[in-house]
Amino acid sequence: MSYNHVNSRYEKRDKRRKTNIVLNTLIGIVAVLILVIGSQLIFGGSDADKTAKYNEPPDIKLANQENSNEEATADKEKEQEESDQSADEKDKKTEDEENAEESTEDPAAEETTPEDPFEQATITQGEPGSGVEETIENPGWNPVGTSQAEPHSANYDKNSQDWAEMTKALSYATGIPESEMIIWFLGNNGGPNDAVGTISPKDKSAKYKVYITWVENKGWKPTKIEKVN
C-alpha cells in the first residue's frame, strides 16, 4: 500500500470527524436556543401577566359607589332630623296658640271666680222659724260677664243665653259646678233685671237661695245667698 493512499484515507476520515463535530455543535446551539426561547415564552409570559395585573388601575368604581351610598344615607338622615324638628316646632306653636286661646277665653269669668266663694263673705245666722239657716253676703262678688247687648231684659227661657249666664252666676256665688247643680227654681225677683234661684248640689246635702242682679254691660252679679232648710 502506498503512502499516498493511506494519507488520503486519513484525510477523509479527519474531514468527516470535523464535519460531525461542527454538526453536533450546531445542533447543540439550536437546542440551547430552543430552550432559552421556550423559557422566555413560559416564564416571561407569566411575569408579563403579573406586571400587567399590577399595572392595572385600582377598581375605584366600587369605592365611589360606597361613598355615594354613604352620602345619600347621611342626606336622608339630615332631612329626617329637619322634618322631626319642624314637626316639633309646629306642635309647640299649636300648643302655645291653644294656651293663648285658653288664657283669653272669657276673661271676665276668670277674674270673677274666687278659689273660695265665701272667703270674704259675711255670714249671719237666720231667725228661728224663718226657714233660713244663714245669710251670706260677699263684697268680693263681681259680675260674671256677658255676651248680650244692651238694653237688657231678663229672659227665663232655659235655652236662652240669659238663662245660661244666670246659671253661671248661681254657680259662681255658691261654688257648686254647673254640672253638679240642681236648679229647683229660677225666676223674676220683682224687677226686669233682678232674679232669684233656688239650687242644691246633686247629693242634696244643702239648699241655697241665690239673689242676683244685672249690671249694665257686665252681666249678672250675686248679691246675697240664703241657706235654707
C-alpha atoms as a PDB file:
ATOM      1  CA  MET A   1       0.000   0.000   0.000  1.00  0.00           C
ATOM      2  CA  SER A   2       1.430   3.320  -0.953  1.00  0.00           C
ATOM      3  CA  TYR A   3       1.893   6.228   1.408  1.00  0.00           C
ATOM      4  CA  ASN A   4      -0.318   8.478  -0.678  1.00  0.00           C
ATOM      5  CA  HIS A   5      -3.257   6.080  -0.479  1.00  0.00           C
ATOM      6  CA  VAL A   6      -3.011   5.837   3.325  1.00  0.00           C
ATOM      7  CA  ASN A   7      -2.688   9.553   3.704  1.00  0.00           C
ATOM      8  CA  SER A   8      -5.744  10.115   1.526  1.00  0.00           C
ATOM      9  CA  ARG A   9      -7.871   7.813   3.686  1.00  0.00           C
ATOM     10  CA  TYR A  10      -6.713   9.535   6.827  1.00  0.00           C
ATOM     11  CA  GLU A  11      -7.582  12.954   5.448  1.00  0.00           C
ATOM     12  CA  LYS A  12     -11.112  11.807   4.541  1.00  0.00           C
ATOM     13  CA  ARG A  13     -11.673  10.363   7.997  1.00  0.00           C
ATOM     14  CA  ASP A  14     -10.373  13.532   9.635  1.00  0.00           C
ATOM     15  CA  LYS A  15     -12.567  15.680   7.455  1.00  0.00           C
ATOM     16  CA  ARG A  16     -15.665  13.606   8.305  1.00  0.00           C
ATOM     17  CA  ARG A  17     -14.856  13.846  12.027  1.00  0.00           C
ATOM     18  CA  LYS A  18     -14.555  17.624  11.842  1.00  0.00           C
ATOM     19  CA  THR A  19     -17.850  17.789   9.954  1.00  0.00           C
ATOM     20  CA  ASN A  20     -19.544  15.714  12.656  1.00  0.00           C
ATOM     21  CA  ILE A  21     -18.133  17.989  15.343  1.00  0.00           C
ATOM     22  CA  VAL A  22     -19.458  21.063  13.547  1.00  0.00           C
ATOM     23  CA  LEU A  23     -22.890  19.480  13.062  1.00  0.00           C
ATOM     24  CA  ASN A  24     -23.088  18.367  16.681  1.00  0.00           C
ATOM     25  CA  THR A  25     -22.060  21.841  17.806  1.00  0.00           C
ATOM     26  CA  LEU A  26     -24.744  23.451  15.644  1.00  0.00           C
ATOM     27  CA  ILE A  27     -27.355  21.007  16.919  1.00  0.00           C
ATOM     28  CA  GLY A  28     -26.359  21.837  20.496  1.00  0.00           C
ATOM     29  CA  ILE A  29     -26.567  25.563  19.821  1.00  0.00           C
ATOM     30  CA  VAL A  30     -30.010  25.168  18.243  1.00  0.00           C
ATOM     31  CA  ALA A  31     -31.202  23.097  21.203  1.00  0.00           C
ATOM     32  CA  VAL A  32     -29.938  25.724  23.660  1.00  0.00           C
ATOM     33  CA  LEU A  33     -31.673  28.468  21.687  1.00  0.00           C
ATOM     34  CA  ILE A  34     -34.905  26.488  21.718  1.00  0.00           C
ATOM     35  CA  LEU A  35     -34.683  26.058  25.484  1.00  0.00           C
ATOM     36  CA  VAL A  36     -33.934  29.740  26.037  1.00  0.00           C
ATOM     37  CA  ILE A  37     -36.756  30.933  23.804  1.00  0.00           C
ATOM     38  CA  GLY A  38     -39.187  28.436  25.333  1.00  0.00           C
ATOM     39  CA  SER A  39     -38.288  29.532  28.848  1.00  0.00           C
ATOM     40  CA  GLN A  40     -38.829  33.162  27.928  1.00  0.00           C
ATOM     41  CA  LEU A  41     -42.202  32.368  26.443  1.00  0.00           C
ATOM     42  CA  ILE A  42     -43.312  30.421  29.534  1.00  0.00           C
ATOM     43  CA  PHE A  43     -41.866  32.458  32.388  1.00  0.00           C
ATOM     44  CA  GLY A  44     -41.768  35.747  30.555  1.00  0.00           C
ATOM     45  CA  GLY A  45     -45.491  35.475  29.751  1.00  0.00           C
ATOM     46  CA  SER A  46     -46.319  34.803  33.401  1.00  0.00           C
ATOM     47  CA  ASP A  47     -44.257  37.793  34.507  1.00  0.00           C
ATOM     48  CA  ALA A  48     -45.909  39.908  31.855  1.00  0.00           C
ATOM     49  CA  ASP A  49     -49.323  38.881  33.166  1.00  0.00           C
ATOM     50  CA  LYS A  50     -48.280  39.771  36.705  1.00  0.00           C
ATOM     51  CA  THR A  51     -46.838  43.077  35.558  1.00  0.00           C
ATOM     52  CA  ALA A  52     -49.973  43.855  33.597  1.00  0.00           C
ATOM     53  CA  LYS A  53     -52.095  42.954  36.628  1.00  0.00           C
ATOM     54  CA  TYR A  54     -50.005  45.137  38.920  1.00  0.00           C
ATOM     55  CA  ASN A  55     -50.154  47.978  36.418  1.00  0.00           C
ATOM     56  CA  GLU A  56     -53.929  47.841  36.206  1.00  0.00           C
ATOM     57  CA  PRO A  57     -55.604  50.923  37.804  1.00  0.00           C
ATOM     58  CA  PRO A  58     -57.401  50.227  41.127  1.00  0.00           C
ATOM     59  CA  ASP A  59     -61.098  49.485  40.975  1.00  0.00           C
ATOM     60  CA  ILE A  60     -62.409  52.828  42.183  1.00  0.00           C
ATOM     61  CA  LYS A  61     -65.902  52.281  40.840  1.00  0.00           C
ATOM     62  CA  LEU A  62     -66.982  50.297  43.894  1.00  0.00           C
ATOM     63  CA  ALA A  63     -65.389  52.804  46.272  1.00  0.00           C
ATOM     64  CA  ASN A  64     -67.160  55.676  44.535  1.00  0.00           C
ATOM     65  CA  GLN A  65     -70.450  53.803  44.774  1.00  0.00           C
ATOM     66  CA  GLU A  66     -69.966  53.176  48.502  1.00  0.00           C
ATOM     67  CA  ASN A  67     -69.153  56.856  49.067  1.00  0.00           C
ATOM     68  CA  SER A  68     -72.284  57.842  47.138  1.00  0.00           C
ATOM     69  CA  ASN A  69     -74.409  55.480  49.241  1.00  0.00           C
ATOM     70  CA  GLU A  70     -72.948  56.869  52.474  1.00  0.00           C
ATOM     71  CA  GLU A  71     -73.594  60.449  51.343  1.00  0.00           C
ATOM     72  CA  ALA A  72     -77.166  59.580  50.337  1.00  0.00           C
ATOM     73  CA  THR A  73     -77.791  57.955  53.733  1.00  0.00           C
ATOM     74  CA  ALA A  74     -76.346  60.975  55.551  1.00  0.00           C
ATOM     75  CA  ASP A  75     -78.520  63.351  53.499  1.00  0.00           C
ATOM     76  CA  LYS A  76     -81.611  61.251  54.236  1.00  0.00           C
ATOM     77  CA  GLU A  77     -80.881  61.233  57.975  1.00  0.00           C
ATOM     78  CA  LYS A  78     -80.360  65.001  57.922  1.00  0.00           C
ATOM     79  CA  GLU A  79     -83.675  65.527  56.105  1.00  0.00           C
ATOM     80  CA  GLN A  80     -85.433  63.303  58.662  1.00  0.00           C
ATOM     81  CA  GLU A  81     -83.933  65.272  61.558  1.00  0.00           C
ATOM     82  CA  GLU A  82     -85.023  68.562  59.978  1.00  0.00           C
ATOM     83  CA  SER A  83     -88.502  67.141  59.375  1.00  0.00           C
ATOM     84  CA  ASP A  84     -88.779  65.971  63.004  1.00  0.00           C
ATOM     85  CA  GLN A  85     -87.544  69.343  64.254  1.00  0.00           C
ATOM     86  CA  SER A  86     -90.077  71.156  62.073  1.00  0.00           C
ATOM     87  CA  ALA A  87     -92.873  68.903  63.376  1.00  0.00           C
ATOM     88  CA  ASP A  88     -91.829  69.555  66.991  1.00  0.00           C
ATOM     89  CA  GLU A  89     -91.795  73.307  66.383  1.00  0.00           C
ATOM     90  CA  LYS A  90     -95.224  73.109  64.749  1.00  0.00           C
ATOM     91  CA  ASP A  91     -96.636  71.120  67.687  1.00  0.00           C
ATOM     92  CA  LYS A  92     -95.148  73.602  70.160  1.00  0.00           C
ATOM     93  CA  LYS A  93     -96.602  76.524  68.206  1.00  0.00           C
ATOM     94  CA  THR A  94    -100.026  74.857  68.170  1.00  0.00           C
ATOM     95  CA  GLU A  95     -99.807  74.186  71.911  1.00  0.00           C
ATOM     96  CA  ASP A  96     -98.796  77.797  72.585  1.00  0.00           C
ATOM     97  CA  GLU A  97    -101.701  79.051  70.471  1.00  0.00           C
ATOM     98  CA  GLU A  98    -104.128  76.795  72.348  1.00  0.00           C
ATOM     99  CA  ASN A  99    -102.781  78.025  75.671  1.00  0.00           C
ATOM    100  CA  ALA A 100    -103.118  81.620  74.473  1.00  0.00           C
ATOM    101  CA  GLU A 101    -106.727  80.961  73.443  1.00  0.00           C
ATOM    102  CA  GLU A 102    -107.479  79.418  76.817  1.00  0.00           C
ATOM    103  CA  SER A 103    -105.920  82.370  78.625  1.00  0.00           C
ATOM    104  CA  THR A 104    -108.024  84.870  76.643  1.00  0.00           C
ATOM    105  CA  GLU A 105    -111.223  82.833  76.768  1.00  0.00           C
ATOM    106  CA  ASP A 106    -113.878  84.504  78.894  1.00  0.00           C
ATOM    107  CA  PRO A 107    -111.550  86.793  80.921  1.00  0.00           C
ATOM    108  CA  ALA A 108    -114.485  88.111  82.920  1.00  0.00           C
ATOM    109  CA  ALA A 109    -115.211  84.640  84.278  1.00  0.00           C
ATOM    110  CA  GLU A 110    -111.566  84.137  85.266  1.00  0.00           C
ATOM    111  CA  GLU A 111    -111.485  87.481  87.057  1.00  0.00           C
ATOM    112  CA  THR A 112    -114.711  86.791  88.947  1.00  0.00           C
ATOM    113  CA  THR A 113    -114.215  83.159  90.046  1.00  0.00           C
ATOM    114  CA  PRO A 114    -112.589  83.089  93.511  1.00  0.00           C
ATOM    115  CA  GLU A 115    -110.986  79.935  94.900  1.00  0.00           C
ATOM    116  CA  ASP A 116    -113.366  80.134  97.882  1.00  0.00           C
ATOM    117  CA  PRO A 117    -116.677  81.915  97.136  1.00  0.00           C
ATOM    118  CA  PHE A 118    -117.197  82.567 100.850  1.00  0.00           C
ATOM    119  CA  GLU A 119    -113.655  83.776 101.623  1.00  0.00           C
ATOM    120  CA  GLN A 120    -114.643  87.437 102.117  1.00  0.00           C
ATOM    121  CA  ALA A 121    -118.263  86.716 102.958  1.00  0.00           C
ATOM    122  CA  THR A 122    -120.219  87.954 105.925  1.00  0.00           C
ATOM    123  CA  ILE A 123    -122.372  85.169 107.354  1.00  0.00           C
ATOM    124  CA  THR A 124    -125.374  85.973 109.517  1.00  0.00           C
ATOM    125  CA  GLN A 125    -127.393  83.342 111.350  1.00  0.00           C
ATOM    126  CA  GLY A 126    -131.091  83.226 110.411  1.00  0.00           C
ATOM    127  CA  GLU A 127    -134.004  83.893 112.753  1.00  0.00           C
ATOM    128  CA  PRO A 128    -135.551  80.829 114.374  1.00  0.00           C
ATOM    129  CA  GLY A 129    -138.592  79.618 112.448  1.00  0.00           C
ATOM    130  CA  SER A 130    -137.763  81.706 109.366  1.00  0.00           C
ATOM    131  CA  GLY A 131    -136.645  78.733 107.306  1.00  0.00           C
ATOM    132  CA  VAL A 132    -133.279  80.440 106.731  1.00  0.00           C
ATOM    133  CA  GLU A 133    -130.303  78.881 108.474  1.00  0.00           C
ATOM    134  CA  GLU A 134    -127.884  81.655 107.495  1.00  0.00           C
ATOM    135  CA  THR A 135    -127.480  84.611 105.163  1.00  0.00           C
ATOM    136  CA  ILE A 136    -124.263  85.071 103.170  1.00  0.00           C
ATOM    137  CA  GLU A 137    -123.147  88.368 101.609  1.00  0.00           C
ATOM    138  CA  ASN A 138    -119.775  88.828  99.916  1.00  0.00           C
ATOM    139  CA  PRO A 139    -118.343  92.222  98.860  1.00  0.00           C
ATOM    140  CA  GLY A 140    -115.841  90.355  96.655  1.00  0.00           C
ATOM    141  CA  TRP A 141    -118.506  89.135  94.233  1.00  0.00           C
ATOM    142  CA  ASN A 142    -118.283  90.568  90.707  1.00  0.00           C
ATOM    143  CA  PRO A 143    -120.447  90.348  87.575  1.00  0.00           C
ATOM    144  CA  VAL A 144    -119.811  87.134  85.648  1.00  0.00           C
ATOM    145  CA  GLY A 145    -119.573  88.829  82.234  1.00  0.00           C
ATOM    146  CA  THR A 146    -121.961  88.778  79.293  1.00  0.00           C
ATOM    147  CA  SER A 147    -122.150  88.466  75.529  1.00  0.00           C
ATOM    148  CA  GLN A 148    -125.552  90.202  75.420  1.00  0.00           C
ATOM    149  CA  ALA A 149    -126.169  93.708  74.130  1.00  0.00           C
ATOM    150  CA  GLU A 150    -127.954  96.490  75.976  1.00  0.00           C
ATOM    151  CA  PRO A 151    -130.703  97.281  76.768  1.00  0.00           C
ATOM    152  CA  HIS A 152    -131.096  94.061  78.742  1.00  0.00           C
ATOM    153  CA  SER A 153    -134.251  92.370  79.924  1.00  0.00           C
ATOM    154  CA  ALA A 154    -134.233  89.079  81.849  1.00  0.00           C
ATOM    155  CA  ASN A 155    -135.146  86.013  79.811  1.00  0.00           C
ATOM    156  CA  TYR A 156    -136.123  82.862  81.719  1.00  0.00           C
ATOM    157  CA  ASP A 157    -136.258  80.552  78.708  1.00  0.00           C
ATOM    158  CA  LYS A 158    -133.979  77.608  79.563  1.00  0.00           C
ATOM    159  CA  ASN A 159    -132.495  77.654  76.048  1.00  0.00           C
ATOM    160  CA  SER A 160    -131.651  81.369  76.122  1.00  0.00           C
ATOM    161  CA  GLN A 161    -128.242  82.986  76.572  1.00  0.00           C
ATOM    162  CA  ASP A 162    -129.591  84.910  79.563  1.00  0.00           C
ATOM    163  CA  TRP A 163    -130.568  81.656  81.326  1.00  0.00           C
ATOM    164  CA  ALA A 164    -127.044  80.285  80.737  1.00  0.00           C
ATOM    165  CA  GLU A 165    -125.487  83.433  82.222  1.00  0.00           C
ATOM    166  CA  MET A 166    -127.828  83.391  85.232  1.00  0.00           C
ATOM    167  CA  THR A 167    -126.915  79.742  85.858  1.00  0.00           C
ATOM    168  CA  LYS A 168    -123.262  80.743  85.690  1.00  0.00           C
ATOM    169  CA  ALA A 169    -123.855  83.425  88.340  1.00  0.00           C
ATOM    170  CA  LEU A 170    -125.559  80.900  90.655  1.00  0.00           C
ATOM    171  CA  SER A 171    -122.600  78.517  90.309  1.00  0.00           C
ATOM    172  CA  TYR A 172    -120.088  81.339  90.854  1.00  0.00           C
ATOM    173  CA  ALA A 173    -121.789  82.517  94.054  1.00  0.00           C
ATOM    174  CA  THR A 174    -122.084  79.100  95.700  1.00  0.00           C
ATOM    175  CA  GLY A 175    -119.036  77.307  94.271  1.00  0.00           C
ATOM    176  CA  ILE A 176    -121.209  74.438  93.001  1.00  0.00           C
ATOM    177  CA  PRO A 177    -120.190  73.402  89.438  1.00  0.00           C
ATOM    178  CA  GLU A 178    -122.999  73.776  86.917  1.00  0.00           C
ATOM    179  CA  SER A 179    -122.697  70.076  86.004  1.00  0.00           C
ATOM    180  CA  GLU A 180    -123.235  69.155  89.674  1.00  0.00           C
ATOM    181  CA  MET A 181    -126.052  71.630  90.345  1.00  0.00           C
ATOM    182  CA  ILE A 182    -129.820  71.062  90.601  1.00  0.00           C
ATOM    183  CA  ILE A 183    -131.923  74.160  89.805  1.00  0.00           C
ATOM    184  CA  TRP A 184    -135.187  73.950  91.704  1.00  0.00           C
ATOM    185  CA  PHE A 185    -136.329  77.409  90.677  1.00  0.00           C
ATOM    186  CA  LEU A 186    -135.014  80.387  88.685  1.00  0.00           C
ATOM    187  CA  GLY A 187    -137.228  83.378  88.047  1.00  0.00           C
ATOM    188  CA  ASN A 188    -138.037  87.041  88.496  1.00  0.00           C
ATOM    189  CA  ASN A 189    -137.370  88.802  91.793  1.00  0.00           C
ATOM    190  CA  GLY A 190    -139.581  91.852  91.410  1.00  0.00           C
ATOM    191  CA  GLY A 191    -137.801  93.751  88.609  1.00  0.00           C
ATOM    192  CA  PRO A 192    -136.778  93.289  84.925  1.00  0.00           C
ATOM    193  CA  ASN A 193    -133.122  92.935  85.922  1.00  0.00           C
ATOM    194  CA  ASP A 194    -133.425  91.137  89.268  1.00  0.00           C
ATOM    195  CA  ALA A 195    -133.671  87.368  89.616  1.00  0.00           C
ATOM    196  CA  VAL A 196    -133.555  84.670  92.287  1.00  0.00           C
ATOM    197  CA  GLY A 197    -132.714  80.987  92.031  1.00  0.00           C
ATOM    198  CA  THR A 198    -133.046  78.036  94.403  1.00  0.00           C
ATOM    199  CA  ILE A 199    -130.345  75.404  93.898  1.00  0.00           C
ATOM    200  CA  SER A 200    -128.575  72.495  95.582  1.00  0.00           C
ATOM    201  CA  PRO A 201    -125.751  70.078  94.772  1.00  0.00           C
ATOM    202  CA  LYS A 202    -126.782  66.752  93.237  1.00  0.00           C
ATOM    203  CA  ASP A 203    -126.335  64.979  96.552  1.00  0.00           C
ATOM    204  CA  LYS A 204    -128.911  67.419  98.025  1.00  0.00           C
ATOM    205  CA  SER A 205    -126.732  67.960 101.063  1.00  0.00           C
ATOM    206  CA  ALA A 206    -127.710  71.668 101.171  1.00  0.00           C
ATOM    207  CA  LYS A 207    -130.110  74.108  99.527  1.00  0.00           C
ATOM    208  CA  TYR A 208    -129.369  77.732  98.647  1.00  0.00           C
ATOM    209  CA  LYS A 209    -131.498  80.655  97.564  1.00  0.00           C
ATOM    210  CA  VAL A 210    -129.297  82.955  95.449  1.00  0.00           C
ATOM    211  CA  TYR A 211    -130.203  86.560  94.614  1.00  0.00           C
ATOM    212  CA  ILE A 212    -128.653  88.133  91.504  1.00  0.00           C
ATOM    213  CA  THR A 213    -128.928  91.491  89.759  1.00  0.00           C
ATOM    214  CA  TRP A 214    -127.961  92.715  86.288  1.00  0.00           C
ATOM    215  CA  VAL A 215    -125.003  95.115  85.926  1.00  0.00           C
ATOM    216  CA  GLU A 216    -125.072  97.032  82.648  1.00  0.00           C
ATOM    217  CA  ASN A 217    -122.625  95.620  80.056  1.00  0.00           C
ATOM    218  CA  LYS A 218    -121.072  93.357  82.733  1.00  0.00           C
ATOM    219  CA  GLY A 219    -123.698  90.697  83.324  1.00  0.00           C
ATOM    220  CA  TRP A 220    -125.299  89.099  86.353  1.00  0.00           C
ATOM    221  CA  LYS A 221    -123.822  89.690  89.797  1.00  0.00           C
ATOM    222  CA  PRO A 222    -124.717  87.776  93.007  1.00  0.00           C
ATOM    223  CA  THR A 223    -125.900  89.985  95.862  1.00  0.00           C
ATOM    224  CA  LYS A 224    -126.994  87.560  98.597  1.00  0.00           C
ATOM    225  CA  ILE A 225    -127.266  83.876  99.438  1.00  0.00           C
ATOM    226  CA  GLU A 226    -129.649  82.306 101.907  1.00  0.00           C
ATOM    227  CA  LYS A 227    -129.002  78.783 103.105  1.00  0.00           C
ATOM    228  CA  VAL A 228    -132.483  77.388 103.603  1.00  0.00           C
ATOM    229  CA  ASN A 229    -133.935  74.333 105.327  1.00  0.00           C
END
